[in-house]
Amino acid sequence: MALTEKQGDALAELINIGFARSAASLSELSGYRVLLDPPSIDVRAIEELPDALAVLTMQEVATVHQLFSGPVSGDALLILNYEGAVTLTDLLRARKRPSQRLDEASREALTEIGNILLNACLGMFGNMLHVHVSFSMPRLHLEVLDNLLKSIIIGSEELRSAIIVSTAFHIKESAVSGYLVIVLGVSSLDRLIRSIEEWEQRQSQ
């Protein structure tokens, strides 16, 4: 299902607001100024995800995964390639020597980063679209991308779409690219689009 240009612009504006809040929270957490690029938005059928994310890597990825439920429900994932996840946590932990692997402290830091980003975006959706959204606890997964995509399940809704949001974290003159993927059933995507249109109407009044 494709968004119209107007719907896509409105969705990008909403996510950009969430990212600004996330960047402020990450800056406060790390003590460094963290910036997030304006998001690039794409909506794909679920079966197109492997091709859409192939540019990321087909090797091991680090994913912070969170389920959300309410009038709009689905799966939300922050996906980084493994090297990017190591670099990002090194920067935020101010490590002097680059790491090769994610140790326990880095895994906890990455889970917190994902928790902040996912909650800010999904919470912003709920607040601005006037719908209540509940979240599960965030969980970190380390696995190859193909296995990750096969494991994505949301209830009994068979036809699903994915909103793919690409951005980059900028910290101390370094940048790490990542993807936020929101997987929705058809009915949830329809509700989200209707809510976005209602939000646009309220903004224009």
Protein backbone atom coordinates (compact mmCIF):
# COMPACT_ATOMS: atom_id res chain seq x y z
CA MET A 1 0.00 0.00 0.00
CA ALA A 2 1.52 3.31 -1.05
CA LEU A 3 1.01 6.58 0.77
CA THR A 4 0.10 9.70 -1.13
CA GLU A 5 2.74 12.40 -1.15
CA LYS A 6 0.70 14.39 1.36
CA GLN A 7 0.29 11.40 3.70
CA GLY A 8 3.99 10.60 3.42
CA ASP A 9 4.94 14.19 4.25
CA ALA A 10 2.65 14.19 7.28
CA LEU A 11 4.05 10.86 8.52
CA ALA A 12 7.62 12.13 8.05
CA GLU A 13 6.77 15.28 10.01
CA LEU A 14 5.33 13.22 12.88
CA ILE A 15 8.33 10.90 12.99
CA ASN A 16 10.71 13.85 12.78
CA ILE A 17 9.08 15.30 15.90
CA GLY A 18 9.58 11.95 17.65
CA PHE A 19 13.22 11.81 16.52
CA ALA A 20 13.89 15.29 17.89
CA ARG A 21 12.65 14.14 21.29
CA SER A 22 14.71 10.95 21.02
CA ALA A 23 17.87 12.90 20.18
CA ALA A 24 17.34 15.14 23.21
CA SER A 25 16.89 12.10 25.45
CA LEU A 26 19.99 10.36 24.04
CA SER A 27 22.03 13.55 24.47
CA GLU A 28 20.96 13.76 28.10
CA LEU A 29 21.74 10.07 28.63
CA SER A 30 25.19 10.17 27.03
CA GLY A 31 26.37 13.68 27.85
CA TYR A 32 27.15 14.22 24.15
CA ARG A 33 25.15 16.06 21.55
CA VAL A 34 23.27 13.46 19.52
CA LEU A 35 21.58 14.41 16.25
CA LEU A 36 19.32 12.28 14.09
CA ASP A 37 18.98 12.91 10.35
CA PRO A 38 15.54 13.86 9.06
CA PRO A 39 13.85 10.52 8.38
CA SER A 40 13.39 8.98 4.97
CA ILE A 41 10.07 7.11 4.82
CA ASP A 42 9.13 4.14 2.66
CA VAL A 43 6.10 1.84 2.90
CA ARG A 44 6.51 -1.71 1.58
CA ALA A 45 4.63 -4.98 1.62
CA ILE A 46 6.12 -7.28 4.27
CA GLU A 47 7.52 -9.66 1.66
CA GLU A 48 9.54 -6.80 0.17
CA LEU A 49 11.44 -6.16 3.42
CA PRO A 50 14.45 -8.37 2.55
CA ASP A 51 15.11 -6.42 -0.64
CA ALA A 52 14.43 -3.06 1.03
CA LEU A 53 16.89 -3.79 3.86
CA ALA A 54 19.48 -5.65 1.78
CA VAL A 55 21.57 -2.47 1.65
CA LEU A 56 21.96 -2.80 5.44
CA THR A 57 23.53 -6.24 5.45
CA MET A 58 22.48 -9.86 5.15
CA GLN A 59 24.85 -10.78 7.98
CA GLU A 60 24.26 -10.47 11.70
CA VAL A 61 22.25 -7.44 12.82
CA ALA A 62 21.45 -5.97 16.21
CA THR A 63 17.75 -5.35 16.68
CA VAL A 64 15.81 -3.80 19.51
CA HIS A 65 12.29 -5.19 19.17
CA GLN A 66 9.15 -3.94 20.84
CA LEU A 67 5.51 -4.96 20.37
CA PHE A 68 2.82 -2.31 20.66
CA SER A 69 -0.94 -2.65 20.92
CA GLY A 70 -4.06 -0.50 20.88
CA PRO A 71 -6.11 0.99 18.02
CA VAL A 72 -2.88 0.73 16.02
CA SER A 73 -0.81 -2.38 16.79
CA GLY A 74 2.19 -4.18 15.41
CA ASP A 75 5.94 -4.67 15.77
CA ALA A 76 8.54 -1.91 16.01
CA LEU A 77 12.22 -2.62 15.43
CA LEU A 78 15.40 -0.55 15.54
CA ILE A 79 17.85 -2.34 13.23
CA LEU A 80 21.59 -1.68 12.98
CA ASN A 81 24.25 -3.76 11.31
CA TYR A 82 26.51 -5.32 13.92
CA GLU A 83 29.49 -3.04 13.28
CA GLY A 84 27.26 0.02 13.47
CA ALA A 85 25.80 -1.15 16.77
CA VAL A 86 29.31 -1.58 18.23
CA THR A 87 30.37 1.87 17.00
CA LEU A 88 27.23 3.55 18.32
CA THR A 89 27.55 2.07 21.81
CA ASP A 90 31.30 2.86 21.88
CA LEU A 91 30.52 6.51 21.08
CA LEU A 92 27.77 6.78 23.65
CA ARG A 93 29.89 5.05 26.31
CA ALA A 94 32.91 7.24 25.41
CA ARG A 95 35.18 4.20 25.08
CA LYS A 96 38.75 5.17 24.15
CA ARG A 97 39.50 1.91 22.32
CA PRO A 98 37.15 0.60 19.63
CA SER A 99 35.36 -2.61 20.58
CA GLN A 100 35.08 -5.69 18.41
CA ARG A 101 32.00 -7.18 20.04
CA LEU A 102 28.99 -6.03 22.05
CA ASP A 103 29.73 -6.81 25.69
CA GLU A 104 27.01 -6.97 28.31
CA ALA A 105 27.20 -3.25 29.11
CA SER A 106 27.01 -2.36 25.42
CA ARG A 107 23.99 -4.61 24.95
CA GLU A 108 22.25 -2.88 27.83
CA ALA A 109 23.13 0.52 26.34
CA LEU A 110 21.83 -0.50 22.92
CA THR A 111 18.57 -1.77 24.42
CA GLU A 112 18.14 1.58 26.18
CA ILE A 113 18.84 3.46 22.93
CA GLY A 114 16.19 1.41 21.16
CA ASN A 115 13.78 1.85 24.04
CA ILE A 116 14.16 5.65 23.90
CA LEU A 117 13.82 5.84 20.13
CA LEU A 118 10.89 3.43 19.79
CA ASN A 119 8.97 4.84 22.75
CA ALA A 120 9.45 8.41 21.57
CA CYS A 121 8.16 7.66 18.08
CA LEU A 122 5.30 5.37 19.06
CA GLY A 123 4.36 7.48 22.07
CA MET A 124 4.32 10.55 19.85
CA PHE A 125 2.00 8.70 17.45
CA GLY A 126 -0.34 7.97 20.33
CA ASN A 127 -0.31 11.50 21.72
CA MET A 128 -0.65 13.37 18.45
CA LEU A 129 -3.11 10.97 16.87
CA HIS A 130 -5.18 10.71 20.06
CA VAL A 131 -4.91 6.93 20.35
CA HIS A 132 -3.65 4.94 23.34
CA VAL A 133 -0.69 2.69 22.58
CA SER A 134 0.73 0.14 25.04
CA PHE A 135 4.27 -1.21 24.77
CA SER A 136 5.96 -4.48 25.64
CA MET A 137 9.42 -4.50 27.18
CA PRO A 138 12.14 -3.92 24.56
CA ARG A 139 14.26 -6.95 23.71
CA LEU A 140 17.63 -7.07 22.01
CA HIS A 141 18.26 -9.72 19.35
CA LEU A 142 21.49 -10.56 17.56
CA GLU A 143 20.88 -12.67 14.46
CA VAL A 144 21.21 -12.68 10.72
CA LEU A 145 18.76 -10.39 8.96
CA ASP A 146 16.98 -13.19 7.11
CA ASN A 147 16.15 -15.02 10.35
CA LEU A 148 14.94 -11.79 11.91
CA LEU A 149 12.54 -11.06 9.07
CA LYS A 150 11.11 -14.58 9.21
CA SER A 151 10.37 -14.20 12.92
CA ILE A 152 8.21 -11.10 12.62
CA ILE A 153 4.67 -12.03 13.59
CA ILE A 154 1.73 -9.85 14.49
CA GLY A 155 -1.42 -11.60 15.65
CA SER A 156 -3.67 -13.14 13.06
CA GLU A 157 -3.49 -10.36 10.50
CA GLU A 158 -2.03 -12.02 7.43
CA LEU A 159 -1.58 -9.10 5.10
CA ARG A 160 1.03 -6.77 6.44
CA SER A 161 2.92 -3.66 5.47
CA ALA A 162 6.09 -2.18 6.86
CA ILE A 163 6.93 1.48 7.35
CA ILE A 164 10.69 1.74 6.88
CA VAL A 165 12.30 4.79 8.41
CA SER A 166 15.99 5.31 7.67
CA THR A 167 18.11 7.77 9.59
CA ALA A 168 21.63 8.29 10.90
CA PHE A 169 22.88 9.01 14.40
CA HIS A 170 25.50 11.78 14.54
CA ILE A 171 27.74 11.80 17.62
CA LYS A 172 31.09 13.53 17.97
CA GLU A 173 31.58 13.92 14.18
CA SER A 174 30.78 10.26 13.58
CA ALA A 175 27.66 8.87 11.95
CA VAL A 176 25.95 5.49 12.25
CA SER A 177 23.07 4.58 9.97
CA GLY A 178 20.08 2.65 11.23
CA TYR A 179 16.55 1.70 10.37
CA LEU A 180 13.33 1.93 12.29
CA VAL A 181 10.84 -0.60 10.93
CA ILE A 182 7.19 -0.53 11.98
CA VAL A 183 5.23 -3.59 10.84
CA LEU A 184 1.47 -3.19 10.67
CA GLY A 185 -1.50 -5.25 9.56
CA VAL A 186 -3.70 -3.78 6.86
CA SER A 187 -6.38 -2.63 9.31
CA SER A 188 -3.79 -0.94 11.56
CA LEU A 189 -2.20 0.82 8.60
CA ASP A 190 -5.66 2.02 7.50
CA ARG A 191 -6.33 3.36 11.01
CA LEU A 192 -2.94 5.05 11.10
CA ILE A 193 -3.53 6.76 7.76
CA ARG A 194 -6.99 7.95 8.83
CA SER A 195 -5.51 9.29 12.07
CA ILE A 196 -2.76 11.09 10.16
CA GLU A 197 -5.35 12.70 7.90
CA GLU A 198 -7.37 13.81 10.95
CA TRP A 199 -4.18 15.22 12.49
CA GLU A 200 -3.50 17.17 9.30
CA GLN A 201 -7.01 18.61 9.37
CA ARG A 202 -6.55 19.73 13.00
CA GLN A 203 -3.24 21.38 12.10
CA SER A 204 -4.86 23.35 9.27
CA GLN A 205 -7.74 24.69 11.41
